[in-house]
Amino acid sequence: MDYQRMLSIVAAAAGPVMVKDVGAELGIDIQVPGRLEPLRGKLTKLADRGWLHKRPDGKFTVRP
């Protein structure tokens, strides 16, 4: 998956987004168990690298 696309989805959101919201925008079947875990890992990796902020409730926002 394209990290830039993930970043743009989070940036375009009106507020904090859940992993399933990003997955739906990317066209991932969010009803299938386990499909979102790789995406969650990639979003967490972006947060670890300072591109995104992972909130305690598990939602993601862009860094201020």
PDB file of N, CA and C in Angstrom:
ATOM      1  N   MET A   1       0.828  -1.185   0.000  1.00  0.00           N
ATOM      2  CA  MET A   1       0.000   0.000   0.000  1.00  0.00           C
ATOM      3  C   MET A   1       0.863   1.235   0.000  1.00  0.00           C
ATOM      4  N   ASP A   2       0.299   2.274  -0.516  1.00  0.00           N
ATOM      5  CA  ASP A   2       1.021   3.522  -0.670  1.00  0.00           C
ATOM      6  C   ASP A   2       0.912   4.356   0.612  1.00  0.00           C
ATOM      7  N   TYR A   3       2.049   4.599   1.245  1.00  0.00           N
ATOM      8  CA  TYR A   3       2.056   5.368   2.481  1.00  0.00           C
ATOM      9  C   TYR A   3       1.557   6.793   2.258  1.00  0.00           C
ATOM     10  N   GLN A   4       1.887   7.381   1.113  1.00  0.00           N
ATOM     11  CA  GLN A   4       1.433   8.740   0.827  1.00  0.00           C
ATOM     12  C   GLN A   4      -0.090   8.806   0.766  1.00  0.00           C
ATOM     13  N   ARG A   5      -0.699   7.774   0.203  1.00  0.00           N
ATOM     14  CA  ARG A   5      -2.160   7.747   0.121  1.00  0.00           C
ATOM     15  C   ARG A   5      -2.772   7.648   1.519  1.00  0.00           C
ATOM     16  N   MET A   6      -2.172   6.831   2.381  1.00  0.00           N
ATOM     17  CA  MET A   6      -2.654   6.724   3.754  1.00  0.00           C
ATOM     18  C   MET A   6      -2.555   8.072   4.461  1.00  0.00           C
ATOM     19  N   LEU A   7      -1.432   8.742   4.293  1.00  0.00           N
ATOM     20  CA  LEU A   7      -1.247  10.054   4.907  1.00  0.00           C
ATOM     21  C   LEU A   7      -2.280  11.055   4.408  1.00  0.00           C
ATOM     22  N   SER A   8      -2.564  11.035   3.118  1.00  0.00           N
ATOM     23  CA  SER A   8      -3.522  11.991   2.562  1.00  0.00           C
ATOM     24  C   SER A   8      -4.938  11.705   3.055  1.00  0.00           C
ATOM     25  N   ILE A   9      -5.282  10.438   3.263  1.00  0.00           N
ATOM     26  CA  ILE A   9      -6.608  10.102   3.799  1.00  0.00           C
ATOM     27  C   ILE A   9      -6.758  10.642   5.213  1.00  0.00           C
ATOM     28  N   VAL A  10      -5.740  10.445   6.041  1.00  0.00           N
ATOM     29  CA  VAL A  10      -5.791  10.946   7.419  1.00  0.00           C
ATOM     30  C   VAL A  10      -5.813  12.472   7.420  1.00  0.00           C
ATOM     31  N   ALA A  11      -5.026  13.100   6.559  1.00  0.00           N
ATOM     32  CA  ALA A  11      -4.971  14.559   6.510  1.00  0.00           C
ATOM     33  C   ALA A  11      -6.291  15.160   6.034  1.00  0.00           C
ATOM     34  N   ALA A  12      -6.987  14.482   5.133  1.00  0.00           N
ATOM     35  CA  ALA A  12      -8.241  15.006   4.582  1.00  0.00           C
ATOM     36  C   ALA A  12      -9.416  14.841   5.540  1.00  0.00           C
ATOM     37  N   ALA A  13      -9.256  14.010   6.551  1.00  0.00           N
ATOM     38  CA  ALA A  13     -10.356  13.761   7.498  1.00  0.00           C
ATOM     39  C   ALA A  13     -10.609  14.991   8.349  1.00  0.00           C
ATOM     40  N   ALA A  14     -11.853  15.136   8.780  1.00  0.00           N
ATOM     41  CA  ALA A  14     -12.232  16.286   9.600  1.00  0.00           C
ATOM     42  C   ALA A  14     -11.706  16.170  11.028  1.00  0.00           C
ATOM     43  N   GLY A  15     -11.321  14.977  11.428  1.00  0.00           N
ATOM     44  CA  GLY A  15     -10.820  14.759  12.782  1.00  0.00           C
ATOM     45  C   GLY A  15     -10.066  13.440  12.836  1.00  0.00           C
ATOM     46  N   PRO A  16      -9.867  12.921  14.033  1.00  0.00           N
ATOM     47  CA  PRO A  16      -9.169  11.633  14.178  1.00  0.00           C
ATOM     48  C   PRO A  16      -9.908  10.518  13.441  1.00  0.00           C
ATOM     49  N   VAL A  17      -9.144   9.636  12.820  1.00  0.00           N
ATOM     50  CA  VAL A  17      -9.747   8.545  12.058  1.00  0.00           C
ATOM     51  C   VAL A  17      -9.371   7.193  12.659  1.00  0.00           C
ATOM     52  N   MET A  18     -10.285   6.251  12.489  1.00  0.00           N
ATOM     53  CA  MET A  18     -10.038   4.882  12.919  1.00  0.00           C
ATOM     54  C   MET A  18      -9.418   4.127  11.755  1.00  0.00           C
ATOM     55  N   VAL A  19      -8.772   3.022  12.057  1.00  0.00           N
ATOM     56  CA  VAL A  19      -8.129   2.208  11.028  1.00  0.00           C
ATOM     57  C   VAL A  19      -9.158   1.750  10.000  1.00  0.00           C
ATOM     58  N   LYS A  20     -10.360   1.396  10.450  1.00  0.00           N
ATOM     59  CA  LYS A  20     -11.378   0.921   9.514  1.00  0.00           C
ATOM     60  C   LYS A  20     -11.804   2.015   8.540  1.00  0.00           C
ATOM     61  N   ASP A  21     -11.750   3.283   8.960  1.00  0.00           N
ATOM     62  CA  ASP A  21     -12.089   4.386   8.061  1.00  0.00           C
ATOM     63  C   ASP A  21     -11.062   4.502   6.939  1.00  0.00           C
ATOM     64  N   VAL A  22      -9.793   4.386   7.293  1.00  0.00           N
ATOM     65  CA  VAL A  22      -8.732   4.432   6.290  1.00  0.00           C
ATOM     66  C   VAL A  22      -8.842   3.220   5.372  1.00  0.00           C
ATOM     67  N   GLY A  23      -9.115   2.064   5.955  1.00  0.00           N
ATOM     68  CA  GLY A  23      -9.275   0.844   5.166  1.00  0.00           C
ATOM     69  C   GLY A  23     -10.406   0.951   4.164  1.00  0.00           C
ATOM     70  N   ALA A  24     -11.521   1.532   4.580  1.00  0.00           N
ATOM     71  CA  ALA A  24     -12.658   1.701   3.674  1.00  0.00           C
ATOM     72  C   ALA A  24     -12.291   2.614   2.508  1.00  0.00           C
ATOM     73  N   GLU A  25     -11.560   3.680   2.787  1.00  0.00           N
ATOM     74  CA  GLU A  25     -11.122   4.598   1.722  1.00  0.00           C
ATOM     75  C   GLU A  25     -10.162   3.917   0.753  1.00  0.00           C
ATOM     76  N   LEU A  26      -9.375   2.985   1.264  1.00  0.00           N
ATOM     77  CA  LEU A  26      -8.417   2.272   0.418  1.00  0.00           C
ATOM     78  C   LEU A  26      -9.058   1.102  -0.337  1.00  0.00           C
ATOM     79  N   GLY A  27     -10.321   0.831  -0.045  1.00  0.00           N
ATOM     80  CA  GLY A  27     -11.005  -0.247  -0.736  1.00  0.00           C
ATOM     81  C   GLY A  27     -10.796  -1.621  -0.122  1.00  0.00           C
ATOM     82  N   ILE A  28     -10.341  -1.658   1.120  1.00  0.00           N
ATOM     83  CA  ILE A  28     -10.145  -2.923   1.822  1.00  0.00           C
ATOM     84  C   ILE A  28     -11.500  -3.393   2.353  1.00  0.00           C
ATOM     85  N   ASP A  29     -11.763  -4.679   2.246  1.00  0.00           N
ATOM     86  CA  ASP A  29     -13.002  -5.233   2.778  1.00  0.00           C
ATOM     87  C   ASP A  29     -12.889  -5.263   4.300  1.00  0.00           C
ATOM     88  N   ILE A  30     -13.477  -4.268   4.947  1.00  0.00           N
ATOM     89  CA  ILE A  30     -13.318  -4.120   6.400  1.00  0.00           C
ATOM     90  C   ILE A  30     -14.174  -5.105   7.187  1.00  0.00           C
ATOM     91  N   GLN A  31     -15.047  -5.848   6.518  1.00  0.00           N
ATOM     92  CA  GLN A  31     -15.885  -6.836   7.198  1.00  0.00           C
ATOM     93  C   GLN A  31     -15.154  -8.154   7.438  1.00  0.00           C
ATOM     94  N   VAL A  32     -14.050  -8.364   6.720  1.00  0.00           N
ATOM     95  CA  VAL A  32     -13.308  -9.619   6.846  1.00  0.00           C
ATOM     96  C   VAL A  32     -12.305  -9.495   8.006  1.00  0.00           C
ATOM     97  N   PRO A  33     -12.430 -10.366   9.008  1.00  0.00           N
ATOM     98  CA  PRO A  33     -11.510 -10.304  10.144  1.00  0.00           C
ATOM     99  C   PRO A  33     -10.046 -10.453   9.695  1.00  0.00           C
ATOM    100  N   GLY A  34      -9.201  -9.632  10.271  1.00  0.00           N
ATOM    101  CA  GLY A  34      -7.775  -9.734   9.982  1.00  0.00           C
ATOM    102  C   GLY A  34      -7.303  -8.875   8.828  1.00  0.00           C
ATOM    103  N   ARG A  35      -8.201  -8.345   8.030  1.00  0.00           N
ATOM    104  CA  ARG A  35      -7.783  -7.529   6.883  1.00  0.00           C
ATOM    105  C   ARG A  35      -7.203  -6.182   7.301  1.00  0.00           C
ATOM    106  N   LEU A  36      -7.608  -5.694   8.462  1.00  0.00           N
ATOM    107  CA  LEU A  36      -7.159  -4.377   8.893  1.00  0.00           C
ATOM    108  C   LEU A  36      -5.854  -4.407   9.691  1.00  0.00           C
ATOM    109  N   GLU A  37      -5.456  -5.581  10.162  1.00  0.00           N
ATOM    110  CA  GLU A  37      -4.243  -5.643  10.989  1.00  0.00           C
ATOM    111  C   GLU A  37      -2.984  -5.181  10.257  1.00  0.00           C
ATOM    112  N   PRO A  38      -2.754  -5.583   8.999  1.00  0.00           N
ATOM    113  CA  PRO A  38      -1.580  -5.052   8.298  1.00  0.00           C
ATOM    114  C   PRO A  38      -1.632  -3.531   8.132  1.00  0.00           C
ATOM    115  N   LEU A  39      -2.839  -3.008   7.882  1.00  0.00           N
ATOM    116  CA  LEU A  39      -2.991  -1.556   7.755  1.00  0.00           C
ATOM    117  C   LEU A  39      -2.716  -0.875   9.088  1.00  0.00           C
ATOM    118  N   ARG A  40      -3.208  -1.452  10.179  1.00  0.00           N
ATOM    119  CA  ARG A  40      -2.949  -0.888  11.511  1.00  0.00           C
ATOM    120  C   ARG A  40      -1.442  -0.825  11.763  1.00  0.00           C
ATOM    121  N   GLY A  41      -0.724  -1.868  11.371  1.00  0.00           N
ATOM    122  CA  GLY A  41       0.725  -1.879  11.537  1.00  0.00           C
ATOM    123  C   GLY A  41       1.413  -0.791  10.740  1.00  0.00           C
ATOM    124  N   LYS A  42       0.941  -0.558   9.527  1.00  0.00           N
ATOM    125  CA  LYS A  42       1.548   0.482   8.686  1.00  0.00           C
ATOM    126  C   LYS A  42       1.254   1.873   9.226  1.00  0.00           C
ATOM    127  N   LEU A  43       0.027   2.091   9.701  1.00  0.00           N
ATOM    128  CA  LEU A  43      -0.297   3.391  10.288  1.00  0.00           C
ATOM    129  C   LEU A  43       0.493   3.616  11.570  1.00  0.00           C
ATOM    130  N   THR A  44       0.671   2.566  12.358  1.00  0.00           N
ATOM    131  CA  THR A  44       1.476   2.672  13.575  1.00  0.00           C
ATOM    132  C   THR A  44       2.932   2.969  13.231  1.00  0.00           C
ATOM    133  N   LYS A  45       3.423   2.355  12.172  1.00  0.00           N
ATOM    134  CA  LYS A  45       4.792   2.624  11.737  1.00  0.00           C
ATOM    135  C   LYS A  45       4.947   4.094  11.334  1.00  0.00           C
ATOM    136  N   LEU A  46       3.949   4.637  10.640  1.00  0.00           N
ATOM    137  CA  LEU A  46       3.990   6.058  10.284  1.00  0.00           C
ATOM    138  C   LEU A  46       3.967   6.931  11.539  1.00  0.00           C
ATOM    139  N   ALA A  47       3.229   6.518  12.554  1.00  0.00           N
ATOM    140  CA  ALA A  47       3.193   7.265  13.812  1.00  0.00           C
ATOM    141  C   ALA A  47       4.543   7.170  14.525  1.00  0.00           C
ATOM    142  N   ASP A  48       5.140   5.984  14.510  1.00  0.00           N
ATOM    143  CA  ASP A  48       6.449   5.804  15.149  1.00  0.00           C
ATOM    144  C   ASP A  48       7.520   6.660  14.488  1.00  0.00           C
ATOM    145  N   ARG A  49       7.368   6.876  13.191  1.00  0.00           N
ATOM    146  CA  ARG A  49       8.339   7.680  12.443  1.00  0.00           C
ATOM    147  C   ARG A  49       8.036   9.176  12.498  1.00  0.00           C
ATOM    148  N   GLY A  50       6.932   9.544  13.149  1.00  0.00           N
ATOM    149  CA  GLY A  50       6.619  10.958  13.333  1.00  0.00           C
ATOM    150  C   GLY A  50       5.746  11.577  12.260  1.00  0.00           C
ATOM    151  N   TRP A  51       5.248  10.784  11.328  1.00  0.00           N
ATOM    152  CA  TRP A  51       4.390  11.329  10.263  1.00  0.00           C
ATOM    153  C   TRP A  51       2.951  11.485  10.724  1.00  0.00           C
ATOM    154  N   LEU A  52       2.505  10.590  11.593  1.00  0.00           N
ATOM    155  CA  LEU A  52       1.162  10.639  12.152  1.00  0.00           C
ATOM    156  C   LEU A  52       1.259  10.633  13.666  1.00  0.00           C
ATOM    157  N   HIS A  53       0.128  10.904  14.307  1.00  0.00           N
ATOM    158  CA  HIS A  53       0.039  10.804  15.764  1.00  0.00           C
ATOM    159  C   HIS A  53      -1.005   9.741  16.081  1.00  0.00           C
ATOM    160  N   LYS A  54      -0.625   8.764  16.896  1.00  0.00           N
ATOM    161  CA  LYS A  54      -1.570   7.737  17.333  1.00  0.00           C
ATOM    162  C   LYS A  54      -2.069   8.116  18.719  1.00  0.00           C
ATOM    163  N   ARG A  55      -3.361   8.337  18.803  1.00  0.00           N
ATOM    164  CA  ARG A  55      -3.961   8.728  20.071  1.00  0.00           C
ATOM    165  C   ARG A  55      -4.154   7.511  20.968  1.00  0.00           C
ATOM    166  N   PRO A  56      -4.318   7.738  22.269  1.00  0.00           N
ATOM    167  CA  PRO A  56      -4.524   6.614  23.198  1.00  0.00           C
ATOM    168  C   PRO A  56      -5.755   5.762  22.860  1.00  0.00           C
ATOM    169  N   ASP A  57      -6.751   6.352  22.200  1.00  0.00           N
ATOM    170  CA  ASP A  57      -7.951   5.591  21.841  1.00  0.00           C
ATOM    171  C   ASP A  57      -7.778   4.798  20.541  1.00  0.00           C
ATOM    172  N   GLY A  58      -6.571   4.840  19.968  1.00  0.00           N
ATOM    173  CA  GLY A  58      -6.274   4.061  18.768  1.00  0.00           C
ATOM    174  C   GLY A  58      -6.551   4.770  17.455  1.00  0.00           C
ATOM    175  N   LYS A  59      -7.071   5.993  17.528  1.00  0.00           N
ATOM    176  CA  LYS A  59      -7.335   6.760  16.312  1.00  0.00           C
ATOM    177  C   LYS A  59      -6.066   7.499  15.905  1.00  0.00           C
ATOM    178  N   PHE A  60      -6.024   7.873  14.622  1.00  0.00           N
ATOM    179  CA  PHE A  60      -4.847   8.543  14.082  1.00  0.00           C
ATOM    180  C   PHE A  60      -5.180   9.949  13.608  1.00  0.00           C
ATOM    181  N   THR A  61      -4.230  10.858  13.792  1.00  0.00           N
ATOM    182  CA  THR A  61      -4.339  12.225  13.287  1.00  0.00           C
ATOM    183  C   THR A  61      -2.989  12.596  12.661  1.00  0.00           C
ATOM    184  N   VAL A  62      -2.990  13.697  11.918  1.00  0.00           N
ATOM    185  CA  VAL A  62      -1.723  14.190  11.387  1.00  0.00           C
ATOM    186  C   VAL A  62      -0.990  14.921  12.507  1.00  0.00           C
ATOM    187  N   ARG A  63       0.307  14.981  12.382  1.00  0.00           N
ATOM    188  CA  ARG A  63       1.104  15.719  13.366  1.00  0.00           C
ATOM    189  C   ARG A  63       0.833  17.207  13.201  1.00  0.00           C
ATOM    190  N   PRO A  64       0.670  17.906  14.315  1.00  0.00           N
ATOM    191  CA  PRO A  64       0.452  19.377  14.217  1.00  0.00           C
ATOM    192  C   PRO A  64       1.683  20.103  13.729  1.00  0.00           C
TER     193      PRO A  64
END
